[in-house]
C-alpha atoms as a PDB file:
ATOM      1  CA  MET A   1      -0.893  17.161  18.160  1.00  0.00           C
ATOM      2  CA  GLY A   2      -0.826  16.249  14.462  1.00  0.00           C
ATOM      3  CA  ILE A   3       1.526  14.752  11.983  1.00  0.00           C
ATOM      4  CA  LYS A   4       3.519  17.197   9.881  1.00  0.00           C
ATOM      5  CA  LEU A   5       2.919  16.549   6.188  1.00  0.00           C
ATOM      6  CA  ASP A   6       4.695  17.939   3.165  1.00  0.00           C
ATOM      7  CA  ASP A   7       2.608  19.798   0.573  1.00  0.00           C
ATOM      8  CA  GLU A   8       1.874  16.665  -1.448  1.00  0.00           C
ATOM      9  CA  GLY A   9       0.834  14.683   1.633  1.00  0.00           C
ATOM     10  CA  GLN A  10      -1.407  17.497   2.811  1.00  0.00           C
ATOM     11  CA  ALA A  11      -3.035  17.747  -0.628  1.00  0.00           C
ATOM     12  CA  LEU A  12      -3.772  13.998  -0.567  1.00  0.00           C
ATOM     13  CA  LEU A  13      -5.203  14.183   2.938  1.00  0.00           C
ATOM     14  CA  ASP A  14      -7.396  17.137   2.004  1.00  0.00           C
ATOM     15  CA  SER A  15      -8.621  15.257  -1.074  1.00  0.00           C
ATOM     16  CA  VAL A  16      -9.523  12.143   0.947  1.00  0.00           C
ATOM     17  CA  GLU A  17     -11.261  14.170   3.638  1.00  0.00           C
ATOM     18  CA  ALA A  18     -13.252  16.025   0.953  1.00  0.00           C
ATOM     19  CA  GLY A  19     -14.673  12.689  -0.229  1.00  0.00           C
ATOM     20  CA  GLU A  20     -12.931  12.790  -3.598  1.00  0.00           C
ATOM     21  CA  TRP A  21     -11.726   9.177  -3.255  1.00  0.00           C
ATOM     22  CA  GLN A  22     -13.952   6.140  -3.623  1.00  0.00           C
ATOM     23  CA  SER A  23     -13.413   2.467  -2.951  1.00  0.00           C
ATOM     24  CA  LYS A  24     -13.077   0.284  -6.032  1.00  0.00           C
ATOM     25  CA  GLY A  25     -15.083  -2.373  -4.211  1.00  0.00           C
ATOM     26  CA  GLN A  26     -14.338  -6.088  -4.190  1.00  0.00           C
ATOM     27  CA  LEU A  27     -12.121  -5.581  -1.165  1.00  0.00           C
ATOM     28  CA  ASN A  28     -12.038  -9.267  -0.186  1.00  0.00           C
ATOM     29  CA  GLU A  29     -10.910 -10.279  -3.679  1.00  0.00           C
ATOM     30  CA  ARG A  30      -8.148  -7.672  -3.644  1.00  0.00           C
ATOM     31  CA  ILE A  31      -6.953  -8.778  -0.202  1.00  0.00           C
ATOM     32  CA  ALA A  32      -6.787 -12.405  -1.380  1.00  0.00           C
ATOM     33  CA  GLU A  33      -4.855 -11.323  -4.481  1.00  0.00           C
ATOM     34  CA  LEU A  34      -2.327  -9.365  -2.424  1.00  0.00           C
ATOM     35  CA  GLU A  35      -1.930 -12.185   0.109  1.00  0.00           C
ATOM     36  CA  ALA A  36      -1.206 -14.652  -2.713  1.00  0.00           C
ATOM     37  CA  TYR A  37       1.372 -12.259  -4.152  1.00  0.00           C
ATOM     38  CA  LEU A  38       3.093 -11.863  -0.788  1.00  0.00           C
ATOM     39  CA  LYS A  39       3.220 -15.644  -0.250  1.00  0.00           C
ATOM     40  CA  GLN A  40       4.783 -16.046  -3.695  1.00  0.00           C
ATOM     41  CA  GLU A  41       7.369 -13.348  -2.967  1.00  0.00           C
ATOM     42  CA  LYS A  42       8.238 -14.971   0.369  1.00  0.00           C
ATOM     43  CA  LYS A  43       9.153 -18.196  -1.420  1.00  0.00           C
ATOM     44  CA  LYS A  44      11.827 -16.476  -3.489  1.00  0.00           C
ATOM     45  CA  SER A  45      15.278 -16.806  -2.053  1.00  0.00           C
ATOM     46  CA  VAL A  46      18.371 -14.720  -2.413  1.00  0.00           C
ATOM     47  CA  SER A  47      21.861 -16.165  -2.522  1.00  0.00           C
ATOM     48  CA  VAL A  48      24.804 -13.989  -1.605  1.00  0.00           C
ATOM     49  CA  ARG A  49      28.414 -15.109  -1.805  1.00  0.00           C
ATOM     50  CA  LEU A  50      31.146 -13.191  -0.109  1.00  0.00           C
ATOM     51  CA  SER A  51      34.754 -13.947  -0.865  1.00  0.00           C
END
């Protein structure tokens, strides 16, 4: 039982499985950067007025 992918998704999967993708490294730094971004985005508020 597999997931049905469209042509683009299947092409990406085939590319990854063929080893054509490589990590850019510095994973911990990237995770910290993304966590900081998400914390900043969480602090933003949205005001909605209905009348």
